[in-house]
Amino acid sequence: MMAGKKPNPVDTHVGSRVRLRRMLLGMSQERLGESMGLTFQQVQKYEKGVNRIGASRLHQISKILDVPVQFFFEEAPQLDGSTPSGMAEPESEAFILEFLNSREGLELNRAFVKIGDSKVRKSVVDLVRALSAAPSKS
């Protein structure tokens, strides 16, 4: 990749989906790299979209992360930079993926699904709604 050239949006998207799935599994970049015979730096470059992931490598990653190859292309941008419309709600789904791809989103999600009592889960959702509606004191 030449200096100053931006990664292809599809490569960036695929990399972010690799990162999302890896983090959902609680797997480190180092562990994924070891499974593939690569350094964690190479995994990092894949996840950022700086280096493209070849077909055989993507197939290998899908096996390690236990998802079909199609997982990495869900909601991928089109060549013109748009996202597929279909039946999806593009803006809200992009926001959700971005949130789930963050450390806070993953931690919150992991903790939330461990709550066994549905009434407690509802209370947590109500609390978060109330906190998000409250005026911020900055």
N, C-alpha and C. Protein backbone atom coordinates (compact mmCIF):
# COMPACT_ATOMS: atom_id res chain seq x y z
N MET A 1 0.84 -1.19 0.00
CA MET A 1 0.00 0.00 0.00
C MET A 1 0.88 1.24 0.00
N MET A 2 0.58 2.20 -0.85
CA MET A 2 1.38 3.41 -0.97
C MET A 2 1.01 4.38 0.15
N ALA A 3 2.00 5.18 0.55
CA ALA A 3 1.78 6.16 1.61
C ALA A 3 0.68 7.13 1.21
N GLY A 4 -0.20 7.42 2.14
CA GLY A 4 -1.27 8.37 1.90
C GLY A 4 -2.49 7.78 1.24
N LYS A 5 -2.42 6.56 0.75
CA LYS A 5 -3.57 5.93 0.11
C LYS A 5 -4.47 5.31 1.18
N LYS A 6 -5.78 5.63 1.09
CA LYS A 6 -6.72 5.11 2.08
C LYS A 6 -7.09 3.67 1.75
N PRO A 7 -7.30 2.85 2.80
CA PRO A 7 -7.73 1.47 2.55
C PRO A 7 -9.10 1.43 1.86
N ASN A 8 -9.33 0.40 1.09
CA ASN A 8 -10.61 0.18 0.43
C ASN A 8 -11.67 0.00 1.53
N PRO A 9 -12.84 0.63 1.41
CA PRO A 9 -13.88 0.51 2.43
C PRO A 9 -14.31 -0.93 2.71
N VAL A 10 -14.29 -1.78 1.69
CA VAL A 10 -14.66 -3.18 1.90
C VAL A 10 -13.59 -3.88 2.74
N ASP A 11 -12.31 -3.60 2.48
CA ASP A 11 -11.23 -4.19 3.27
C ASP A 11 -11.33 -3.74 4.73
N THR A 12 -11.65 -2.47 4.92
CA THR A 12 -11.81 -1.95 6.28
C THR A 12 -12.98 -2.62 6.97
N HIS A 13 -14.08 -2.80 6.24
CA HIS A 13 -15.27 -3.44 6.81
C HIS A 13 -14.98 -4.89 7.20
N VAL A 14 -14.37 -5.63 6.28
CA VAL A 14 -14.04 -7.03 6.56
C VAL A 14 -13.13 -7.12 7.78
N GLY A 15 -12.14 -6.25 7.84
CA GLY A 15 -11.24 -6.23 9.00
C GLY A 15 -11.97 -5.93 10.29
N SER A 16 -12.91 -4.99 10.24
CA SER A 16 -13.66 -4.65 11.46
C SER A 16 -14.54 -5.81 11.90
N ARG A 17 -15.05 -6.58 10.95
CA ARG A 17 -15.85 -7.77 11.29
C ARG A 17 -14.97 -8.87 11.89
N VAL A 18 -13.73 -9.00 11.40
CA VAL A 18 -12.78 -9.94 12.01
C VAL A 18 -12.56 -9.53 13.47
N ARG A 19 -12.31 -8.24 13.68
CA ARG A 19 -12.08 -7.72 15.03
C ARG A 19 -13.29 -7.95 15.92
N LEU A 20 -14.48 -7.65 15.41
CA LEU A 20 -15.71 -7.83 16.18
C LEU A 20 -15.84 -9.28 16.64
N ARG A 21 -15.72 -10.21 15.72
CA ARG A 21 -15.88 -11.62 16.07
C ARG A 21 -14.79 -12.08 17.03
N ARG A 22 -13.56 -11.66 16.79
CA ARG A 22 -12.45 -12.04 17.67
C ARG A 22 -12.70 -11.55 19.09
N MET A 23 -13.16 -10.30 19.21
CA MET A 23 -13.41 -9.73 20.52
C MET A 23 -14.62 -10.38 21.18
N LEU A 24 -15.65 -10.72 20.41
CA LEU A 24 -16.80 -11.41 20.98
C LEU A 24 -16.40 -12.76 21.57
N LEU A 25 -15.40 -13.37 20.98
CA LEU A 25 -14.90 -14.65 21.49
C LEU A 25 -13.90 -14.47 22.63
N GLY A 26 -13.50 -13.22 22.88
CA GLY A 26 -12.51 -12.97 23.93
C GLY A 26 -11.11 -13.41 23.53
N MET A 27 -10.83 -13.40 22.24
CA MET A 27 -9.55 -13.86 21.71
C MET A 27 -8.65 -12.66 21.45
N SER A 28 -7.39 -12.79 21.79
CA SER A 28 -6.43 -11.71 21.55
C SER A 28 -5.94 -11.75 20.10
N GLN A 29 -5.40 -10.63 19.65
CA GLN A 29 -4.81 -10.59 18.32
C GLN A 29 -3.63 -11.56 18.25
N GLU A 30 -2.91 -11.67 19.33
CA GLU A 30 -1.76 -12.57 19.38
C GLU A 30 -2.21 -14.03 19.20
N ARG A 31 -3.28 -14.41 19.89
CA ARG A 31 -3.76 -15.79 19.78
C ARG A 31 -4.28 -16.10 18.37
N LEU A 32 -5.01 -15.15 17.77
CA LEU A 32 -5.48 -15.34 16.41
C LEU A 32 -4.29 -15.47 15.46
N GLY A 33 -3.31 -14.60 15.64
CA GLY A 33 -2.12 -14.64 14.80
C GLY A 33 -1.38 -15.97 14.92
N GLU A 34 -1.23 -16.45 16.15
CA GLU A 34 -0.57 -17.74 16.36
C GLU A 34 -1.32 -18.86 15.66
N SER A 35 -2.64 -18.83 15.71
CA SER A 35 -3.46 -19.85 15.05
C SER A 35 -3.27 -19.85 13.54
N MET A 36 -2.86 -18.69 13.02
CA MET A 36 -2.71 -18.54 11.57
C MET A 36 -1.24 -18.55 11.14
N GLY A 37 -0.32 -18.61 12.10
CA GLY A 37 1.10 -18.55 11.77
C GLY A 37 1.56 -17.14 11.42
N LEU A 38 0.92 -16.14 12.04
CA LEU A 38 1.23 -14.73 11.78
C LEU A 38 1.54 -14.02 13.10
N THR A 39 2.07 -12.80 12.98
CA THR A 39 2.28 -11.97 14.16
C THR A 39 1.00 -11.21 14.48
N PHE A 40 0.90 -10.72 15.70
CA PHE A 40 -0.28 -9.93 16.06
C PHE A 40 -0.31 -8.64 15.26
N GLN A 41 0.87 -8.15 14.83
CA GLN A 41 0.91 -6.92 14.02
C GLN A 41 0.21 -7.14 12.67
N GLN A 42 0.39 -8.33 12.10
CA GLN A 42 -0.27 -8.62 10.83
C GLN A 42 -1.77 -8.67 11.02
N VAL A 43 -2.22 -9.30 12.12
CA VAL A 43 -3.66 -9.35 12.43
C VAL A 43 -4.18 -7.93 12.58
N GLN A 44 -3.41 -7.09 13.26
CA GLN A 44 -3.78 -5.68 13.45
C GLN A 44 -3.98 -4.98 12.10
N LYS A 45 -3.07 -5.22 11.17
CA LYS A 45 -3.17 -4.60 9.84
C LYS A 45 -4.40 -5.11 9.09
N TYR A 46 -4.70 -6.40 9.23
CA TYR A 46 -5.92 -6.95 8.62
C TYR A 46 -7.15 -6.28 9.21
N GLU A 47 -7.19 -6.16 10.54
CA GLU A 47 -8.36 -5.60 11.21
C GLU A 47 -8.59 -4.14 10.86
N LYS A 48 -7.54 -3.41 10.58
CA LYS A 48 -7.68 -1.99 10.22
C LYS A 48 -7.93 -1.81 8.73
N GLY A 49 -7.80 -2.89 7.96
CA GLY A 49 -8.01 -2.80 6.52
C GLY A 49 -6.79 -2.30 5.77
N VAL A 50 -5.68 -2.11 6.47
CA VAL A 50 -4.46 -1.63 5.84
C VAL A 50 -3.94 -2.69 4.88
N ASN A 51 -3.97 -3.95 5.30
CA ASN A 51 -3.60 -5.07 4.42
C ASN A 51 -4.85 -5.85 4.08
N ARG A 52 -4.99 -6.18 2.81
CA ARG A 52 -6.13 -6.97 2.37
C ARG A 52 -5.98 -8.42 2.81
N ILE A 53 -7.12 -9.04 3.08
CA ILE A 53 -7.13 -10.45 3.46
C ILE A 53 -7.48 -11.25 2.21
N GLY A 54 -6.58 -12.12 1.81
CA GLY A 54 -6.82 -12.98 0.65
C GLY A 54 -7.90 -14.01 0.94
N ALA A 55 -8.42 -14.61 -0.12
CA ALA A 55 -9.53 -15.56 0.01
C ALA A 55 -9.17 -16.75 0.90
N SER A 56 -8.02 -17.36 0.69
CA SER A 56 -7.66 -18.54 1.49
C SER A 56 -7.43 -18.15 2.95
N ARG A 57 -6.87 -16.97 3.17
CA ARG A 57 -6.65 -16.49 4.55
C ARG A 57 -7.99 -16.19 5.22
N LEU A 58 -8.92 -15.59 4.48
CA LEU A 58 -10.24 -15.29 5.05
C LEU A 58 -10.97 -16.59 5.40
N HIS A 59 -10.81 -17.58 4.56
CA HIS A 59 -11.40 -18.89 4.83
C HIS A 59 -10.81 -19.47 6.12
N GLN A 60 -9.50 -19.35 6.28
CA GLN A 60 -8.83 -19.83 7.48
C GLN A 60 -9.35 -19.08 8.72
N ILE A 61 -9.49 -17.77 8.61
CA ILE A 61 -9.99 -16.96 9.73
C ILE A 61 -11.41 -17.37 10.09
N SER A 62 -12.24 -17.64 9.07
CA SER A 62 -13.63 -18.02 9.33
C SER A 62 -13.69 -19.33 10.11
N LYS A 63 -12.79 -20.25 9.81
CA LYS A 63 -12.74 -21.52 10.54
C LYS A 63 -12.30 -21.31 11.98
N ILE A 64 -11.27 -20.50 12.17
CA ILE A 64 -10.75 -20.23 13.52
C ILE A 64 -11.79 -19.51 14.38
N LEU A 65 -12.49 -18.53 13.77
CA LEU A 65 -13.47 -17.73 14.51
C LEU A 65 -14.87 -18.37 14.49
N ASP A 66 -15.00 -19.50 13.82
CA ASP A 66 -16.23 -20.29 13.79
C ASP A 66 -17.44 -19.50 13.27
N VAL A 67 -17.24 -18.86 12.13
CA VAL A 67 -18.33 -18.17 11.43
C VAL A 67 -18.19 -18.44 9.94
N PRO A 68 -19.29 -18.37 9.18
CA PRO A 68 -19.17 -18.52 7.73
C PRO A 68 -18.46 -17.30 7.14
N VAL A 69 -17.82 -17.47 6.00
CA VAL A 69 -17.11 -16.38 5.34
C VAL A 69 -18.04 -15.18 5.10
N GLN A 70 -19.32 -15.46 4.80
CA GLN A 70 -20.28 -14.38 4.53
C GLN A 70 -20.39 -13.41 5.71
N PHE A 71 -20.15 -13.88 6.93
CA PHE A 71 -20.23 -13.03 8.12
C PHE A 71 -19.40 -11.75 7.94
N PHE A 72 -18.24 -11.88 7.33
CA PHE A 72 -17.33 -10.74 7.19
C PHE A 72 -17.82 -9.69 6.20
N PHE A 73 -18.79 -10.06 5.35
CA PHE A 73 -19.29 -9.15 4.33
C PHE A 73 -20.68 -8.58 4.65
N GLU A 74 -21.28 -9.03 5.76
CA GLU A 74 -22.60 -8.51 6.11
C GLU A 74 -22.53 -7.00 6.30
N GLU A 75 -23.44 -6.30 5.64
CA GLU A 75 -23.53 -4.83 5.69
C GLU A 75 -22.30 -4.14 5.11
N ALA A 76 -21.56 -4.82 4.26
CA ALA A 76 -20.36 -4.21 3.65
C ALA A 76 -20.75 -3.09 2.71
N PRO A 77 -19.93 -2.05 2.62
CA PRO A 77 -20.22 -0.96 1.69
C PRO A 77 -20.10 -1.45 0.24
N GLN A 78 -20.85 -0.83 -0.65
CA GLN A 78 -20.78 -1.15 -2.07
C GLN A 78 -19.58 -0.41 -2.67
N LEU A 79 -19.27 -0.70 -3.90
CA LEU A 79 -18.13 -0.06 -4.56
C LEU A 79 -18.27 1.46 -4.60
N ASP A 80 -19.53 1.94 -4.65
CA ASP A 80 -19.74 3.40 -4.69
C ASP A 80 -19.73 4.02 -3.29
N GLY A 81 -19.44 3.21 -2.26
CA GLY A 81 -19.36 3.72 -0.89
C GLY A 81 -20.65 3.61 -0.12
N SER A 82 -21.77 3.26 -0.78
CA SER A 82 -23.04 3.11 -0.07
C SER A 82 -23.11 1.73 0.57
N THR A 83 -24.08 1.55 1.45
CA THR A 83 -24.29 0.23 2.03
C THR A 83 -25.54 -0.36 1.40
N PRO A 84 -25.64 -1.69 1.36
CA PRO A 84 -26.82 -2.29 0.74
C PRO A 84 -28.07 -1.92 1.51
N SER A 85 -29.15 -1.65 0.78
CA SER A 85 -30.37 -1.23 1.45
C SER A 85 -31.17 -2.43 1.91
N GLY A 86 -31.70 -3.22 1.02
CA GLY A 86 -32.47 -4.39 1.42
C GLY A 86 -33.53 -4.04 2.45
N MET A 87 -33.68 -4.89 3.43
CA MET A 87 -34.66 -4.67 4.49
C MET A 87 -34.01 -4.09 5.74
N ALA A 88 -32.72 -3.82 5.68
CA ALA A 88 -31.99 -3.34 6.85
C ALA A 88 -32.27 -1.86 7.10
N GLU A 89 -32.00 -1.45 8.32
CA GLU A 89 -32.04 -0.05 8.69
C GLU A 89 -30.59 0.41 8.74
N PRO A 90 -30.05 0.94 7.64
CA PRO A 90 -28.63 1.16 7.52
C PRO A 90 -28.01 2.02 8.61
N GLU A 91 -28.60 3.15 8.94
CA GLU A 91 -27.99 4.04 9.92
C GLU A 91 -27.92 3.40 11.29
N SER A 92 -29.03 2.81 11.76
CA SER A 92 -29.05 2.25 13.10
C SER A 92 -28.17 1.01 13.18
N GLU A 93 -28.13 0.19 12.12
CA GLU A 93 -27.31 -1.01 12.17
C GLU A 93 -25.83 -0.65 12.15
N ALA A 94 -25.43 0.36 11.43
CA ALA A 94 -24.04 0.79 11.42
C ALA A 94 -23.64 1.26 12.81
N PHE A 95 -24.52 1.99 13.46
CA PHE A 95 -24.26 2.47 14.81
C PHE A 95 -24.11 1.30 15.78
N ILE A 96 -24.98 0.31 15.66
CA ILE A 96 -24.92 -0.86 16.54
C ILE A 96 -23.62 -1.62 16.34
N LEU A 97 -23.22 -1.84 15.09
CA LEU A 97 -21.96 -2.53 14.83
C LEU A 97 -20.78 -1.75 15.38
N GLU A 98 -20.80 -0.45 15.22
CA GLU A 98 -19.72 0.38 15.73
C GLU A 98 -19.65 0.27 17.26
N PHE A 99 -20.82 0.31 17.91
CA PHE A 99 -20.87 0.19 19.37
C PHE A 99 -20.37 -1.18 19.82
N LEU A 100 -20.86 -2.25 19.17
CA LEU A 100 -20.44 -3.60 19.56
C LEU A 100 -18.96 -3.84 19.29
N ASN A 101 -18.40 -3.08 18.39
CA ASN A 101 -16.99 -3.22 18.06
C ASN A 101 -16.10 -2.48 19.07
N SER A 102 -16.71 -1.67 19.93
CA SER A 102 -15.94 -0.95 20.94
C SER A 102 -15.75 -1.83 22.18
N ARG A 103 -14.72 -1.53 22.94
CA ARG A 103 -14.44 -2.29 24.16
C ARG A 103 -15.61 -2.18 25.14
N GLU A 104 -16.17 -0.96 25.30
CA GLU A 104 -17.29 -0.77 26.23
C GLU A 104 -18.52 -1.56 25.79
N GLY A 105 -18.79 -1.54 24.49
CA GLY A 105 -19.93 -2.27 23.96
C GLY A 105 -19.81 -3.76 24.21
N LEU A 106 -18.63 -4.29 23.98
CA LEU A 106 -18.42 -5.72 24.20
C LEU A 106 -18.53 -6.08 25.68
N GLU A 107 -17.93 -5.25 26.55
CA GLU A 107 -18.00 -5.53 27.98
C GLU A 107 -19.44 -5.46 28.48
N LEU A 108 -20.17 -4.45 28.03
CA LEU A 108 -21.57 -4.30 28.43
C LEU A 108 -22.39 -5.49 27.94
N ASN A 109 -22.18 -5.87 26.70
CA ASN A 109 -22.92 -7.00 26.13
C ASN A 109 -22.62 -8.30 26.88
N ARG A 110 -21.35 -8.57 27.14
CA ARG A 110 -20.97 -9.79 27.86
C ARG A 110 -21.60 -9.84 29.24
N ALA A 111 -21.54 -8.72 29.96
CA ALA A 111 -22.10 -8.68 31.31
C ALA A 111 -23.62 -8.81 31.27
N PHE A 112 -24.25 -8.14 30.32
CA PHE A 112 -25.71 -8.13 30.23
C PHE A 112 -26.26 -9.53 29.98
N VAL A 113 -25.64 -10.28 29.07
CA VAL A 113 -26.17 -11.61 28.74
C VAL A 113 -25.98 -12.60 29.89
N LYS A 114 -25.13 -12.27 30.85
CA LYS A 114 -24.93 -13.14 32.02
C LYS A 114 -26.02 -12.94 33.07
N ILE A 115 -26.82 -11.89 32.94
CA ILE A 115 -27.91 -11.64 33.89
C ILE A 115 -29.03 -12.61 33.57
N GLY A 116 -29.30 -13.53 34.49
CA GLY A 116 -30.29 -14.57 34.25
C GLY A 116 -31.73 -14.14 34.44
N ASP A 117 -31.95 -13.18 35.30
CA ASP A 117 -33.30 -12.75 35.65
C ASP A 117 -33.79 -11.70 34.64
N SER A 118 -34.87 -12.01 33.92
CA SER A 118 -35.37 -11.10 32.89
C SER A 118 -35.85 -9.77 33.48
N LYS A 119 -36.35 -9.78 34.72
CA LYS A 119 -36.79 -8.53 35.35
C LYS A 119 -35.60 -7.62 35.63
N VAL A 120 -34.49 -8.22 36.03
CA VAL A 120 -33.28 -7.43 36.28
C VAL A 120 -32.77 -6.86 34.96
N ARG A 121 -32.78 -7.68 33.88
CA ARG A 121 -32.35 -7.17 32.57
C ARG A 121 -33.21 -5.99 32.14
N LYS A 122 -34.53 -6.09 32.34
CA LYS A 122 -35.43 -4.99 31.98
C LYS A 122 -35.10 -3.75 32.81
N SER A 123 -34.80 -3.95 34.08
CA SER A 123 -34.43 -2.82 34.95
C SER A 123 -33.15 -2.14 34.47
N VAL A 124 -32.20 -2.94 34.02
CA VAL A 124 -30.94 -2.37 33.50
C VAL A 124 -31.23 -1.54 32.25
N VAL A 125 -32.06 -2.07 31.35
CA VAL A 125 -32.42 -1.33 30.14
C VAL A 125 -33.13 -0.03 30.52
N ASP A 126 -34.06 -0.10 31.46
CA ASP A 126 -34.77 1.11 31.92
C ASP A 126 -33.79 2.12 32.51
N LEU A 127 -32.83 1.63 33.30
CA LEU A 127 -31.83 2.52 33.90
C LEU A 127 -31.01 3.22 32.82
N VAL A 128 -30.55 2.47 31.83
CA VAL A 128 -29.75 3.06 30.76
C VAL A 128 -30.57 4.08 29.97
N ARG A 129 -31.83 3.77 29.71
CA ARG A 129 -32.70 4.74 29.02
C ARG A 129 -32.83 6.02 29.83
N ALA A 130 -33.04 5.87 31.13
CA ALA A 130 -33.19 7.05 32.00
C ALA A 130 -31.90 7.87 32.02
N LEU A 131 -30.77 7.19 32.11
CA LEU A 131 -29.49 7.91 32.13
C LEU A 131 -29.24 8.63 30.80
N SER A 132 -29.62 8.02 29.69
CA SER A 132 -29.38 8.65 28.40
C SER A 132 -30.31 9.83 28.16
N ALA A 133 -31.46 9.86 28.82
CA ALA A 133 -32.41 10.96 28.67
C ALA A 133 -32.09 12.12 29.60
N ALA A 134 -31.31 11.84 30.67
CA ALA A 134 -30.99 12.88 31.65
C ALA A 134 -30.03 13.89 31.04
N PRO A 135 -30.22 15.18 31.35
CA PRO A 135 -29.29 16.20 30.82
C PRO A 135 -27.89 15.97 31.39
N SER A 136 -26.87 16.06 30.52
CA SER A 136 -25.50 15.83 30.98
C SER A 136 -24.99 17.05 31.72
N LYS A 137 -24.16 16.79 32.72
CA LYS A 137 -23.58 17.87 33.53
C LYS A 137 -22.10 17.97 33.19
N SER A 138 -21.79 18.70 32.11
CA SER A 138 -20.39 18.83 31.69
C SER A 138 -19.89 20.21 31.93
